[in-house]
Amino acid sequence: MKFLPLLAGLLLASPAAAQGTDPHTVLTLRGECQALAAGSEDLIDICAGEIMQVIYTDHRMELAIWTDSPSGRFLVFSGPATEDEAGLAQQIDLVIDGQDGSGNNNVDRAATGQCTLNGNPSEGPVQFTCEATDDAGNGYRFAFLTDGGVPENMLD
């Protein structure tokens, strides 16, 4: 995984980790970005086609979207997730805008919104769709279709 150095910093800086909750599942999925926007910025051209899904033991989920930006920019949608017959639904309460790959220059924004995951990544292609608005009124949008390959389990 090309973003492995960021993984440790992201896991340590997460709201769940701050509450002493351990990651239950950490998956890297590859596919195609269909939309990526932060505020007025359309980031689709720098979307790396790789995401990381972290589910914690308290059912909080973080969806990290990597970019090919030379600065190492990334976005994270964070909030509690529930499972249903279609897949997962995540209520977003925080958006993290990582300004560089160090994980030290993150802008955390309280937000409301939702991500949905339709399907099971271990059984073929799945669709991720996220929409959120932060407390300053900035909108965030993300859509991603996995390639159907087996997700890489980062905890193995």
C-alpha atoms as a PDB file:
ATOM      1  CA  MET A   1       0.000   0.000   0.000  1.00  0.00           C
ATOM      2  CA  LYS A   2       1.547   3.273  -1.059  1.00  0.00           C
ATOM      3  CA  PHE A   3       0.014   5.211   1.849  1.00  0.00           C
ATOM      4  CA  LEU A   4       1.288   2.950   4.633  1.00  0.00           C
ATOM      5  CA  PRO A   5       3.248   5.751   6.411  1.00  0.00           C
ATOM      6  CA  LEU A   6       0.003   7.692   6.806  1.00  0.00           C
ATOM      7  CA  LEU A   7      -1.907   4.718   8.223  1.00  0.00           C
ATOM      8  CA  ALA A   8      -0.364   4.831  11.690  1.00  0.00           C
ATOM      9  CA  GLY A   9      -0.878   8.579  12.063  1.00  0.00           C
ATOM     10  CA  LEU A  10      -4.459   8.372  10.845  1.00  0.00           C
ATOM     11  CA  LEU A  11      -5.346   5.566  13.244  1.00  0.00           C
ATOM     12  CA  LEU A  12      -3.785   7.405  16.197  1.00  0.00           C
ATOM     13  CA  ALA A  13      -5.511  10.710  15.382  1.00  0.00           C
ATOM     14  CA  SER A  14      -8.991   9.263  14.883  1.00  0.00           C
ATOM     15  CA  PRO A  15     -11.849  10.083  17.265  1.00  0.00           C
ATOM     16  CA  ALA A  16     -12.303   6.387  18.076  1.00  0.00           C
ATOM     17  CA  ALA A  17      -8.628   5.970  18.952  1.00  0.00           C
ATOM     18  CA  ALA A  18      -8.819   9.037  21.168  1.00  0.00           C
ATOM     19  CA  GLN A  19     -11.539   7.220  23.118  1.00  0.00           C
ATOM     20  CA  GLY A  20      -9.371   4.099  23.457  1.00  0.00           C
ATOM     21  CA  THR A  21     -11.266   2.066  20.845  1.00  0.00           C
ATOM     22  CA  ASP A  22      -9.334  -0.402  18.714  1.00  0.00           C
ATOM     23  CA  PRO A  23      -9.806  -0.950  14.990  1.00  0.00           C
ATOM     24  CA  HIS A  24     -11.818  -4.100  14.251  1.00  0.00           C
ATOM     25  CA  THR A  25     -11.348  -4.047  10.468  1.00  0.00           C
ATOM     26  CA  VAL A  26      -8.925  -2.068   8.284  1.00  0.00           C
ATOM     27  CA  LEU A  27      -9.395  -2.671   4.564  1.00  0.00           C
ATOM     28  CA  THR A  28      -7.787  -1.104   1.523  1.00  0.00           C
ATOM     29  CA  LEU A  29     -10.027  -1.138  -1.527  1.00  0.00           C
ATOM     30  CA  ARG A  30      -9.178  -0.183  -5.083  1.00  0.00           C
ATOM     31  CA  GLY A  31     -11.443   1.049  -7.828  1.00  0.00           C
ATOM     32  CA  GLU A  32     -12.637   4.143  -9.611  1.00  0.00           C
ATOM     33  CA  CYS A  33     -13.480   7.519  -8.135  1.00  0.00           C
ATOM     34  CA  GLN A  34     -16.702   8.801  -9.610  1.00  0.00           C
ATOM     35  CA  ALA A  35     -16.854  12.032  -7.583  1.00  0.00           C
ATOM     36  CA  LEU A  36     -14.637  13.819  -5.053  1.00  0.00           C
ATOM     37  CA  ALA A  37     -15.298  17.380  -3.924  1.00  0.00           C
ATOM     38  CA  ALA A  38     -14.455  19.472  -0.863  1.00  0.00           C
ATOM     39  CA  GLY A  39     -16.213  22.824  -0.680  1.00  0.00           C
ATOM     40  CA  SER A  40     -15.770  24.521  -4.050  1.00  0.00           C
ATOM     41  CA  GLU A  41     -12.848  22.236  -5.001  1.00  0.00           C
ATOM     42  CA  ASP A  42     -13.491  19.471  -7.515  1.00  0.00           C
ATOM     43  CA  LEU A  43     -10.800  16.917  -6.618  1.00  0.00           C
ATOM     44  CA  ILE A  44     -11.766  14.110  -8.998  1.00  0.00           C
ATOM     45  CA  ASP A  45      -8.604  14.599 -11.082  1.00  0.00           C
ATOM     46  CA  ILE A  46      -6.346  13.808  -8.106  1.00  0.00           C
ATOM     47  CA  CYS A  47      -8.388  10.947  -6.621  1.00  0.00           C
ATOM     48  CA  ALA A  48      -5.982   8.010  -6.344  1.00  0.00           C
ATOM     49  CA  GLY A  49      -8.475   5.196  -6.887  1.00  0.00           C
ATOM     50  CA  GLU A  50      -7.694   3.722  -3.474  1.00  0.00           C
ATOM     51  CA  ILE A  51      -9.560   4.069  -0.191  1.00  0.00           C
ATOM     52  CA  MET A  52      -9.204   2.717   3.323  1.00  0.00           C
ATOM     53  CA  GLN A  53     -12.202   1.626   5.387  1.00  0.00           C
ATOM     54  CA  VAL A  54     -11.611   1.396   9.140  1.00  0.00           C
ATOM     55  CA  ILE A  55     -14.303  -0.026  11.404  1.00  0.00           C
ATOM     56  CA  TYR A  56     -13.694   0.233  15.143  1.00  0.00           C
ATOM     57  CA  THR A  57     -14.965  -2.049  17.906  1.00  0.00           C
ATOM     58  CA  ASP A  58     -17.494   0.649  18.924  1.00  0.00           C
ATOM     59  CA  HIS A  59     -18.969   0.579  15.349  1.00  0.00           C
ATOM     60  CA  ARG A  60     -17.459   3.929  14.400  1.00  0.00           C
ATOM     61  CA  MET A  61     -16.246   3.923  10.800  1.00  0.00           C
ATOM     62  CA  GLU A  62     -13.734   6.043   8.949  1.00  0.00           C
ATOM     63  CA  LEU A  63     -13.533   6.159   5.196  1.00  0.00           C
ATOM     64  CA  ALA A  64     -10.190   7.607   4.050  1.00  0.00           C
ATOM     65  CA  ILE A  65      -9.854   8.805   0.460  1.00  0.00           C
ATOM     66  CA  TRP A  66      -6.315   9.084  -0.879  1.00  0.00           C
ATOM     67  CA  THR A  67      -5.272  11.495  -3.600  1.00  0.00           C
ATOM     68  CA  ASP A  68      -2.371  11.700  -6.028  1.00  0.00           C
ATOM     69  CA  SER A  69      -1.722  15.282  -4.933  1.00  0.00           C
ATOM     70  CA  PRO A  70       2.020  15.985  -4.565  1.00  0.00           C
ATOM     71  CA  SER A  71       1.220  17.326  -1.083  1.00  0.00           C
ATOM     72  CA  GLY A  72      -0.309  13.991  -0.022  1.00  0.00           C
ATOM     73  CA  ARG A  73      -3.758  15.446   0.634  1.00  0.00           C
ATOM     74  CA  PHE A  74      -6.509  13.105   1.817  1.00  0.00           C
ATOM     75  CA  LEU A  75     -10.095  13.263   3.122  1.00  0.00           C
ATOM     76  CA  VAL A  76     -11.724  11.187   5.857  1.00  0.00           C
ATOM     77  CA  PHE A  77     -15.429  10.776   6.571  1.00  0.00           C
ATOM     78  CA  SER A  78     -15.967   9.677  10.169  1.00  0.00           C
ATOM     79  CA  GLY A  79     -18.996   8.636  12.195  1.00  0.00           C
ATOM     80  CA  PRO A  80     -21.015   5.728  13.576  1.00  0.00           C
ATOM     81  CA  ALA A  81     -21.983   2.982  11.136  1.00  0.00           C
ATOM     82  CA  THR A  82     -24.832   0.492  11.109  1.00  0.00           C
ATOM     83  CA  GLU A  83     -25.286  -2.599   8.990  1.00  0.00           C
ATOM     84  CA  ASP A  84     -28.421  -3.334   6.987  1.00  0.00           C
ATOM     85  CA  GLU A  85     -29.408  -5.779   4.233  1.00  0.00           C
ATOM     86  CA  ALA A  86     -27.861  -3.546   1.522  1.00  0.00           C
ATOM     87  CA  GLY A  87     -24.500  -2.991   3.270  1.00  0.00           C
ATOM     88  CA  LEU A  88     -23.421  -0.226   5.654  1.00  0.00           C
ATOM     89  CA  ALA A  89     -24.812   3.212   6.465  1.00  0.00           C
ATOM     90  CA  GLN A  90     -22.502   5.719   8.153  1.00  0.00           C
ATOM     91  CA  GLN A  91     -23.781   8.878   9.819  1.00  0.00           C
ATOM     92  CA  ILE A  92     -21.025  11.454   9.310  1.00  0.00           C
ATOM     93  CA  ASP A  93     -20.216  13.680  12.277  1.00  0.00           C
ATOM     94  CA  LEU A  94     -16.667  14.653  11.299  1.00  0.00           C
ATOM     95  CA  VAL A  95     -14.745  15.359   8.089  1.00  0.00           C
ATOM     96  CA  ILE A  96     -10.945  15.384   8.264  1.00  0.00           C
ATOM     97  CA  ASP A  97      -9.183  17.276   5.478  1.00  0.00           C
ATOM     98  CA  GLY A  98      -5.557  16.150   5.541  1.00  0.00           C
ATOM     99  CA  GLN A  99      -3.524  18.921   3.980  1.00  0.00           C
ATOM    100  CA  ASP A 100      -0.449  16.736   3.524  1.00  0.00           C
ATOM    101  CA  GLY A 101       0.605  13.133   3.869  1.00  0.00           C
ATOM    102  CA  SER A 102       2.202  13.624   7.280  1.00  0.00           C
ATOM    103  CA  GLY A 103      -1.121  13.460   9.112  1.00  0.00           C
ATOM    104  CA  ASN A 104       0.075  16.412  11.223  1.00  0.00           C
ATOM    105  CA  ASN A 105      -1.683  19.155   9.252  1.00  0.00           C
ATOM    106  CA  ASN A 106      -5.267  17.944   9.385  1.00  0.00           C
ATOM    107  CA  VAL A 107      -8.280  20.224   9.502  1.00  0.00           C
ATOM    108  CA  ASP A 108     -11.061  18.550  11.512  1.00  0.00           C
ATOM    109  CA  ARG A 109     -14.558  19.858  10.801  1.00  0.00           C
ATOM    110  CA  ALA A 110     -17.773  18.911  12.579  1.00  0.00           C
ATOM    111  CA  ALA A 111     -20.195  17.819   9.880  1.00  0.00           C
ATOM    112  CA  THR A 112     -23.490  16.125   9.163  1.00  0.00           C
ATOM    113  CA  GLY A 113     -24.213  13.739   6.351  1.00  0.00           C
ATOM    114  CA  GLN A 114     -24.132  10.114   5.356  1.00  0.00           C
ATOM    115  CA  CYS A 115     -22.052   7.527   3.546  1.00  0.00           C
ATOM    116  CA  THR A 116     -23.575   4.343   2.211  1.00  0.00           C
ATOM    117  CA  LEU A 117     -21.860   1.164   1.128  1.00  0.00           C
ATOM    118  CA  ASN A 118     -24.026  -0.991  -1.113  1.00  0.00           C
ATOM    119  CA  GLY A 119     -22.778  -4.552  -1.251  1.00  0.00           C
ATOM    120  CA  ASN A 120     -20.058  -6.632   0.375  1.00  0.00           C
ATOM    121  CA  PRO A 121     -16.471  -5.837  -0.708  1.00  0.00           C
ATOM    122  CA  SER A 122     -15.469  -9.495  -0.249  1.00  0.00           C
ATOM    123  CA  GLU A 123     -18.095 -10.631  -2.751  1.00  0.00           C
ATOM    124  CA  GLY A 124     -17.486  -8.305  -5.712  1.00  0.00           C
ATOM    125  CA  PRO A 125     -17.786  -4.653  -6.714  1.00  0.00           C
ATOM    126  CA  VAL A 126     -19.455  -2.301  -4.224  1.00  0.00           C
ATOM    127  CA  GLN A 127     -20.577   1.311  -4.419  1.00  0.00           C
ATOM    128  CA  PHE A 128     -19.594   3.916  -1.806  1.00  0.00           C
ATOM    129  CA  THR A 129     -21.513   7.204  -1.823  1.00  0.00           C
ATOM    130  CA  CYS A 130     -20.949  10.053   0.668  1.00  0.00           C
ATOM    131  CA  GLU A 131     -22.413  13.517   1.098  1.00  0.00           C
ATOM    132  CA  ALA A 132     -21.771  15.841   4.025  1.00  0.00           C
ATOM    133  CA  THR A 133     -21.871  19.489   5.021  1.00  0.00           C
ATOM    134  CA  ASP A 134     -19.549  20.933   7.648  1.00  0.00           C
ATOM    135  CA  ASP A 135     -20.509  23.536  10.243  1.00  0.00           C
ATOM    136  CA  ALA A 136     -19.153  26.316   7.989  1.00  0.00           C
ATOM    137  CA  GLY A 137     -21.514  25.285   5.187  1.00  0.00           C
ATOM    138  CA  ASN A 138     -18.905  23.590   2.981  1.00  0.00           C
ATOM    139  CA  GLY A 139     -20.165  20.549   1.102  1.00  0.00           C
ATOM    140  CA  TYR A 140     -18.255  17.294   0.628  1.00  0.00           C
ATOM    141  CA  ARG A 141     -19.094  14.657  -1.943  1.00  0.00           C
ATOM    142  CA  PHE A 142     -17.558  11.294  -2.745  1.00  0.00           C
ATOM    143  CA  ALA A 143     -18.569   8.352  -4.926  1.00  0.00           C
ATOM    144  CA  PHE A 144     -16.422   5.280  -5.523  1.00  0.00           C
ATOM    145  CA  LEU A 145     -16.957   1.934  -7.271  1.00  0.00           C
ATOM    146  CA  THR A 146     -14.576  -0.822  -6.199  1.00  0.00           C
ATOM    147  CA  ASP A 147     -12.938  -2.989  -8.840  1.00  0.00           C
ATOM    148  CA  GLY A 148     -14.346  -6.184  -7.292  1.00  0.00           C
ATOM    149  CA  GLY A 149     -10.924  -7.396  -6.200  1.00  0.00           C
ATOM    150  CA  VAL A 150     -10.398  -8.863  -2.759  1.00  0.00           C
ATOM    151  CA  PRO A 151      -9.827  -6.041  -0.236  1.00  0.00           C
ATOM    152  CA  GLU A 152      -6.395  -5.925   1.391  1.00  0.00           C
ATOM    153  CA  ASN A 153      -6.765  -6.524   5.131  1.00  0.00           C
ATOM    154  CA  MET A 154      -4.250  -4.223   6.843  1.00  0.00           C
ATOM    155  CA  LEU A 155      -4.574  -6.073  10.198  1.00  0.00           C
ATOM    156  CA  ASP A 156      -3.327  -9.418   8.851  1.00  0.00           C
END
